[in-house]
Amino acid sequence: MNTSSSSTALRATSSFYGEHPGMRLLRLALGATERLWPALAVRVAARLFGTPLPLRKPGRQAVPPGHWRTERWPFEDAEITLYLPQAQPHGPTVLLLHGWGGHARQMLPLADALTARGLRPVLVDLPAHGGSRGRVSNLPQFARAIEYATARLHVQDSAPHAVVAHSLAANAAAHAASRGLATQRLVLLAPPASPHEYTRLFAQVFGLSERTRAALQRRIEAREGILMRQFEPPAVGSRIALPTLVVHDRGDRINRFADGEAYRDHIPGATLLATEGLGHRKILQQAEVLQAVADFVAVPASAGPTPSHSPQPLA
C-alpha cells in the first residue's frame, strides 16, 4: 500500500473507532495492559477486533415489516437472520449481504432494483449484525455463514442465482466462491483485499506494538483454523469459476480502489466497474450502480461468462 493510501485508510479507521464513546479510554487501558500483561492485551484486542460497531441490541428486526417476512436460523453460537419478500416473486433468488458493522437495511435500494427486474432478493443480517444474535464475529465466520445460507436456501428450493456482497462480506463471498459456492453469478461491492492490513490499521489506531498485532493475528488464525492470506485475491481468484462483477469507487477511503483492481486481475474474466465520487457506501444507493448490478445479475445462468473488459467509470 502506498503512503497516501495508507494514511487515508488509517484516518478512516481512526475516525470509525473514534466515533464511539469510550474508545479513547479503552485505548489508554489497552496500552497499559499491553505493558503490564501482554497476554491479556492480546485477548482484549481480539475481542475488540471481532466486535462490530456500533453496538446494537440483538434480535431487533432490521428491515421494515409488511413487505418482508423474517426467518431466524441458529448458526454456530449466534444466528443468521433472513428477510424474504412477502410477495414471493417468481424470478431467481439473489442473496444480498452487508459489510462489517452494517445491516440488511443498507441493501434495500438494491433489493428494490432487483425486484423491479422480476428477481427475488433475500436480505441477510450476518452473525452479530443487525437483527441477528451474537456479540462477536469475523471474516472466516462471514464466509461460513454465506456457505451455510446458500446451501440451506438450496434445500428450501430457493437456490441463489447470484450472491451480491458489500465490503467485508465481499471478501468472505469471494473466499466462499473459491470453495465452490453453489450460485451462478457473483458481485463484489467495494471488497477489501487484505485482512492482514486491517489488523495493522487496528493496531495503529490503538497504539499496539507489532508484537501484539502479530499475536492477535495468530490467535484469530488458530481459533478459526485458517490463515488470513488465504482470503486474499491471489489465493482465491484463480479458483473462482463464476462470472464476477466488481464495483469499486476510486475515492473509497475504507477499501482502496486497488483492492477492487486486485480482484479483477486475479478472477478469470472478472469485470471491474469503476465509480467516481461515491465512496464506500453510496455505491449501495446510486441509481446507475444499482442498474448495472441488476443488469449483470439478471443474465440467465445459461448465458455463460460476461465480457472481461472494464466498463466506463460512472461519474
Protein backbone atom coordinates (compact mmCIF):
# COMPACT_ATOMS: atom_id res chain seq x y z
CA MET A 1 0.00 0.00 0.00
CA ASN A 2 1.42 3.41 -0.92
CA THR A 3 1.90 6.13 1.71
CA SER A 4 -1.11 8.19 0.59
CA SER A 5 -3.49 5.21 0.57
CA SER A 6 -2.14 4.01 3.92
CA SER A 7 -2.62 7.38 5.64
CA THR A 8 -6.14 7.72 4.19
CA ALA A 9 -7.11 4.26 5.41
CA LEU A 10 -5.59 4.97 8.82
CA ARG A 11 -7.60 8.19 9.15
CA ALA A 12 -10.78 6.37 8.15
CA THR A 13 -10.14 3.57 10.65
CA SER A 14 -9.29 6.04 13.40
CA SER A 15 -12.46 8.01 12.64
CA PHE A 16 -14.53 4.81 12.67
CA TYR A 17 -13.41 3.85 16.18
CA GLY A 18 -13.21 7.45 17.39
CA GLU A 19 -16.93 7.97 16.72
CA HIS A 20 -17.85 5.54 19.50
CA PRO A 21 -18.00 6.62 23.17
CA GLY A 22 -15.31 5.28 25.46
CA MET A 23 -12.81 4.39 22.73
CA ARG A 24 -10.21 6.92 23.93
CA LEU A 25 -10.37 5.49 27.44
CA LEU A 26 -10.25 1.94 26.08
CA ARG A 27 -7.17 2.83 24.02
CA LEU A 28 -5.38 4.05 27.14
CA ALA A 29 -6.43 0.99 29.12
CA LEU A 30 -5.35 -1.36 26.33
CA GLY A 31 -1.96 0.37 26.13
CA ALA A 32 -1.42 -0.04 29.88
CA THR A 33 -2.49 -3.70 29.74
CA GLU A 34 -0.07 -4.34 26.90
CA ARG A 35 2.81 -3.15 29.08
CA LEU A 36 1.74 -4.95 32.26
CA TRP A 37 0.05 -8.12 31.00
CA PRO A 38 0.77 -8.71 27.29
CA ALA A 39 -1.22 -11.97 27.01
CA LEU A 40 -4.35 -10.29 28.38
CA ALA A 41 -3.88 -7.38 25.99
CA VAL A 42 -3.94 -9.82 23.06
CA ARG A 43 -7.19 -11.39 24.31
CA VAL A 44 -8.82 -7.99 24.83
CA ALA A 45 -7.63 -6.77 21.43
CA ALA A 46 -9.03 -9.90 19.76
CA ARG A 47 -12.38 -9.34 21.44
CA LEU A 48 -12.48 -5.70 20.37
CA PHE A 49 -11.31 -6.54 16.84
CA GLY A 50 -14.19 -9.00 16.50
CA THR A 51 -16.88 -6.70 17.92
CA PRO A 52 -19.00 -4.99 15.22
CA LEU A 53 -19.57 -1.31 15.82
CA PRO A 54 -21.79 0.48 16.52
CA LEU A 55 -23.03 -1.69 19.35
CA ARG A 56 -26.70 -2.62 18.94
CA LYS A 57 -29.40 -4.58 20.69
CA PRO A 58 -29.57 -8.05 19.06
CA GLY A 59 -32.87 -9.53 17.93
CA ARG A 60 -34.49 -6.41 16.55
CA GLN A 61 -35.94 -6.52 13.06
CA ALA A 62 -33.68 -4.55 10.77
CA VAL A 63 -35.92 -4.05 7.73
CA PRO A 64 -39.41 -2.54 7.53
CA PRO A 65 -42.17 -5.08 8.22
CA GLY A 66 -45.01 -5.60 5.79
CA HIS A 67 -43.15 -6.33 2.58
CA TRP A 68 -40.78 -8.79 4.25
CA ARG A 69 -41.06 -11.88 6.39
CA THR A 70 -38.30 -12.89 8.79
CA GLU A 71 -36.56 -16.22 9.26
CA ARG A 72 -34.00 -16.73 12.03
CA TRP A 73 -31.54 -19.57 11.64
CA PRO A 74 -29.32 -20.65 14.54
CA PHE A 75 -25.72 -20.62 13.38
CA GLU A 76 -22.70 -21.59 15.47
CA ASP A 77 -23.04 -19.60 18.72
CA ALA A 78 -25.14 -16.88 17.09
CA GLU A 79 -27.69 -16.77 14.26
CA ILE A 80 -28.35 -15.62 10.72
CA THR A 81 -31.48 -13.55 10.06
CA LEU A 82 -33.05 -13.60 6.60
CA TYR A 83 -35.66 -11.21 5.23
CA LEU A 84 -37.67 -12.67 2.36
CA PRO A 85 -40.25 -10.82 0.23
CA GLN A 86 -43.85 -11.50 1.19
CA ALA A 87 -44.96 -11.30 -2.43
CA GLN A 88 -42.68 -14.18 -3.48
CA PRO A 89 -41.60 -13.08 -6.98
CA HIS A 90 -41.19 -15.96 -9.40
CA GLY A 91 -37.76 -14.86 -10.61
CA PRO A 92 -34.39 -16.23 -9.47
CA THR A 93 -33.25 -15.64 -5.89
CA VAL A 94 -30.43 -13.15 -5.21
CA LEU A 95 -28.68 -13.18 -1.84
CA LEU A 96 -27.73 -9.68 -0.59
CA LEU A 97 -25.03 -9.34 2.08
CA HIS A 98 -23.96 -6.27 4.07
CA GLY A 99 -20.44 -5.46 5.25
CA TRP A 100 -18.75 -5.28 8.66
CA GLY A 101 -20.75 -3.19 11.10
CA GLY A 102 -23.58 -2.99 8.56
CA HIS A 103 -27.06 -4.45 8.34
CA ALA A 104 -29.62 -5.73 5.87
CA ARG A 105 -31.39 -2.36 5.58
CA GLN A 106 -28.39 -0.96 3.70
CA MET A 107 -29.15 -3.35 0.84
CA LEU A 108 -32.80 -2.26 0.42
CA PRO A 109 -32.18 0.06 -2.59
CA LEU A 110 -30.55 -2.81 -4.43
CA ALA A 111 -33.35 -5.14 -3.36
CA ASP A 112 -35.87 -2.72 -4.90
CA ALA A 113 -33.87 -2.55 -8.14
CA LEU A 114 -33.75 -6.34 -8.36
CA THR A 115 -37.46 -6.69 -7.60
CA ALA A 116 -38.23 -4.29 -10.45
CA ARG A 117 -36.41 -6.72 -12.74
CA GLY A 118 -38.52 -9.65 -11.55
CA LEU A 119 -35.82 -11.10 -9.31
CA ARG A 120 -36.33 -12.29 -5.74
CA PRO A 121 -33.95 -10.56 -3.31
CA VAL A 122 -33.18 -12.16 0.04
CA LEU A 123 -31.65 -9.81 2.60
CA VAL A 124 -29.36 -11.12 5.33
CA ASP A 125 -28.20 -9.95 8.74
CA LEU A 126 -24.97 -11.84 9.33
CA PRO A 127 -24.00 -13.07 12.85
CA ALA A 128 -23.72 -10.30 15.45
CA HIS A 129 -25.11 -7.75 12.99
CA GLY A 130 -28.49 -6.08 12.52
CA GLY A 131 -31.24 -8.27 13.95
CA SER A 132 -29.05 -11.36 14.41
CA ARG A 133 -27.93 -12.62 17.80
CA GLY A 134 -24.23 -12.70 18.65
CA ARG A 135 -21.66 -10.32 20.11
CA VAL A 136 -18.56 -11.03 18.07
CA SER A 137 -17.84 -12.25 14.56
CA ASN A 138 -15.05 -12.20 11.98
CA LEU A 139 -14.22 -12.74 8.32
CA PRO A 140 -13.98 -16.57 8.48
CA GLN A 141 -17.38 -16.75 10.18
CA PHE A 142 -18.84 -14.49 7.50
CA ALA A 143 -17.58 -16.93 4.85
CA ARG A 144 -19.03 -19.93 6.69
CA ALA A 145 -22.35 -18.13 7.15
CA ILE A 146 -22.55 -17.38 3.43
CA GLU A 147 -21.87 -21.01 2.56
CA TYR A 148 -24.45 -22.19 5.10
CA ALA A 149 -27.15 -19.75 3.99
CA THR A 150 -26.62 -20.62 0.33
CA ALA A 151 -26.76 -24.36 0.99
CA ARG A 152 -29.88 -24.06 3.13
CA LEU A 153 -31.66 -21.96 0.50
CA HIS A 154 -30.91 -24.74 -1.98
CA VAL A 155 -32.62 -27.23 0.33
CA GLN A 156 -35.63 -24.89 0.53
CA ASP A 157 -35.87 -24.77 -3.30
CA SER A 158 -34.70 -21.14 -3.30
CA ALA A 159 -31.23 -21.71 -4.73
CA PRO A 160 -29.49 -18.33 -5.12
CA HIS A 161 -28.88 -17.48 -8.75
CA ALA A 162 -26.46 -14.77 -7.59
CA VAL A 163 -24.69 -13.53 -4.47
CA VAL A 164 -24.12 -9.78 -4.07
CA ALA A 165 -21.91 -8.73 -1.16
CA HIS A 166 -20.52 -5.46 0.18
CA SER A 167 -17.17 -4.72 1.81
CA LEU A 168 -16.00 -7.46 4.23
CA ALA A 169 -18.84 -9.75 3.12
CA ALA A 170 -17.48 -9.40 -0.44
CA ASN A 171 -14.11 -10.65 0.81
CA ALA A 172 -15.93 -13.55 2.50
CA ALA A 173 -18.09 -14.27 -0.55
CA ALA A 174 -15.03 -14.41 -2.80
CA HIS A 175 -13.46 -16.97 -0.48
CA ALA A 176 -16.68 -18.99 -0.40
CA ALA A 177 -16.86 -18.83 -4.21
CA SER A 178 -13.31 -20.17 -4.42
CA ARG A 179 -14.53 -23.18 -2.44
CA GLY A 180 -17.38 -23.92 -4.85
CA LEU A 181 -20.20 -21.74 -3.53
CA ALA A 182 -23.44 -23.01 -5.07
CA THR A 183 -24.50 -19.97 -7.08
CA GLN A 184 -24.29 -18.79 -10.69
CA ARG A 185 -23.03 -15.20 -10.50
CA LEU A 186 -21.02 -13.11 -8.06
CA VAL A 187 -20.98 -9.36 -7.39
CA LEU A 188 -18.32 -7.84 -5.13
CA LEU A 189 -19.06 -4.28 -3.97
CA ALA A 190 -16.03 -2.37 -2.56
CA PRO A 191 -14.18 -5.52 -1.45
CA PRO A 192 -11.09 -5.37 0.78
CA ALA A 193 -8.09 -7.37 -0.40
CA SER A 194 -6.04 -7.84 2.77
CA PRO A 195 -7.35 -8.91 6.20
CA HIS A 196 -3.77 -8.54 7.44
CA GLU A 197 -3.93 -4.85 6.55
CA TYR A 198 -6.94 -4.45 8.82
CA THR A 199 -5.03 -5.87 11.78
CA ARG A 200 -2.22 -3.40 11.04
CA LEU A 201 -4.60 -0.42 10.92
CA PHE A 202 -6.37 -1.63 14.07
CA ALA A 203 -3.04 -1.88 15.90
CA GLN A 204 -2.03 1.61 14.79
CA VAL A 205 -5.29 3.16 15.93
CA PHE A 206 -4.99 1.61 19.40
CA GLY A 207 -1.25 2.16 19.69
CA LEU A 208 -0.40 -1.54 19.83
CA SER A 209 3.03 -2.90 19.06
CA GLU A 210 3.79 -5.13 16.09
CA ARG A 211 4.37 -7.96 18.57
CA THR A 212 0.82 -7.62 19.90
CA ARG A 213 -0.60 -7.25 16.39
CA ALA A 214 1.14 -10.43 15.23
CA ALA A 215 -0.08 -12.29 18.32
CA LEU A 216 -3.62 -11.02 17.65
CA GLN A 217 -3.46 -12.34 14.09
CA ARG A 218 -2.09 -15.71 15.22
CA ARG A 219 -4.82 -16.01 17.85
CA ILE A 220 -7.57 -15.42 15.29
CA GLU A 221 -6.00 -17.76 12.75
CA ALA A 222 -5.50 -20.55 15.29
CA ARG A 223 -9.05 -20.24 16.60
CA GLU A 224 -10.62 -20.16 13.13
CA GLY A 225 -8.29 -22.72 11.56
CA ILE A 226 -7.43 -20.58 8.55
CA LEU A 227 -4.73 -18.06 7.65
CA MET A 228 -5.63 -14.51 6.71
CA ARG A 229 -3.63 -14.70 3.48
CA GLN A 230 -5.98 -17.47 2.33
CA PHE A 231 -8.63 -14.75 1.84
CA GLU A 232 -6.53 -12.52 -0.42
CA PRO A 233 -7.17 -12.22 -4.20
CA PRO A 234 -4.04 -14.15 -5.25
CA ALA A 235 -5.19 -17.07 -3.08
CA VAL A 236 -8.86 -17.16 -4.10
CA GLY A 237 -9.04 -15.57 -7.54
CA SER A 238 -7.87 -18.39 -9.79
CA ARG A 239 -10.32 -20.79 -8.11
CA ILE A 240 -13.40 -18.64 -8.76
CA ALA A 241 -15.20 -20.00 -11.81
CA LEU A 242 -18.26 -17.74 -11.61
CA PRO A 243 -18.98 -14.72 -13.83
CA THR A 244 -17.94 -11.90 -11.49
CA LEU A 245 -18.63 -8.17 -11.38
CA VAL A 246 -16.53 -5.95 -9.10
CA VAL A 247 -17.78 -2.43 -8.30
CA HIS A 248 -15.38 -0.05 -6.58
CA ASP A 249 -15.13 3.71 -6.20
CA ARG A 250 -11.81 5.38 -6.97
CA GLY A 251 -12.17 7.55 -3.86
CA ASP A 252 -13.12 4.79 -1.41
CA ARG A 253 -11.50 5.72 1.93
CA ILE A 254 -12.26 2.39 3.60
CA ASN A 255 -11.11 -0.14 0.99
CA ARG A 256 -8.77 1.30 -1.60
CA PHE A 257 -9.59 1.14 -5.30
CA ALA A 258 -6.53 -1.05 -5.86
CA ASP A 259 -8.29 -3.76 -3.84
CA GLY A 260 -11.06 -3.90 -6.44
CA GLU A 261 -8.44 -3.99 -9.18
CA ALA A 262 -6.75 -6.93 -7.47
CA TYR A 263 -9.96 -8.98 -7.61
CA ARG A 264 -10.45 -8.01 -11.25
CA ASP A 265 -6.92 -9.09 -12.07
CA HIS A 266 -7.00 -12.42 -10.22
CA ILE A 267 -10.51 -13.68 -11.04
CA PRO A 268 -10.60 -15.04 -14.60
CA GLY A 269 -12.92 -12.96 -16.79
CA ALA A 270 -13.97 -10.62 -13.98
CA THR A 271 -15.30 -7.16 -14.86
CA LEU A 272 -14.48 -4.04 -12.84
CA LEU A 273 -16.96 -1.16 -12.78
CA ALA A 274 -15.16 1.95 -11.51
CA THR A 275 -17.19 4.78 -9.99
CA GLU A 276 -16.29 8.36 -9.06
CA GLY A 277 -17.38 10.35 -6.04
CA LEU A 278 -19.45 7.66 -4.31
CA GLY A 279 -17.01 6.49 -1.67
CA HIS A 280 -17.54 3.27 0.24
CA ARG A 281 -21.29 3.25 0.96
CA LYS A 282 -23.01 5.44 -1.62
CA ILE A 283 -22.40 2.77 -4.25
CA LEU A 284 -25.22 0.90 -2.48
CA GLN A 285 -27.65 3.67 -3.40
CA GLN A 286 -26.55 5.25 -6.70
CA ALA A 287 -29.06 4.54 -9.48
CA GLU A 288 -26.54 3.71 -12.22
CA VAL A 289 -24.71 1.26 -9.99
CA LEU A 290 -27.96 -0.41 -8.97
CA GLN A 291 -28.93 -0.73 -12.64
CA ALA A 292 -25.52 -2.15 -13.59
CA VAL A 293 -25.71 -4.76 -10.81
CA ALA A 294 -29.30 -5.66 -11.74
CA ASP A 295 -28.32 -5.99 -15.42
CA PHE A 296 -25.43 -8.28 -14.53
CA VAL A 297 -27.44 -10.41 -12.10
CA ALA A 298 -30.44 -10.73 -14.41
CA VAL A 299 -28.44 -12.56 -17.10
CA PRO A 300 -29.62 -16.20 -17.24
CA ALA A 301 -27.14 -18.77 -15.97
CA SER A 302 -27.08 -20.41 -19.39
CA ALA A 303 -25.70 -17.22 -20.92
CA GLY A 304 -22.20 -18.05 -19.68
CA PRO A 305 -19.43 -15.61 -18.66
CA THR A 306 -19.66 -11.88 -19.21
CA PRO A 307 -17.05 -9.96 -21.23
CA SER A 308 -13.82 -9.30 -19.36
CA HIS A 309 -13.43 -5.66 -20.44
CA SER A 310 -13.89 -2.88 -17.89
CA PRO A 311 -16.90 -0.59 -18.41
CA GLN A 312 -16.53 3.17 -18.45
CA PRO A 313 -16.38 4.75 -14.98
CA LEU A 314 -19.61 6.12 -13.55
CA ALA A 315 -19.28 9.76 -12.54
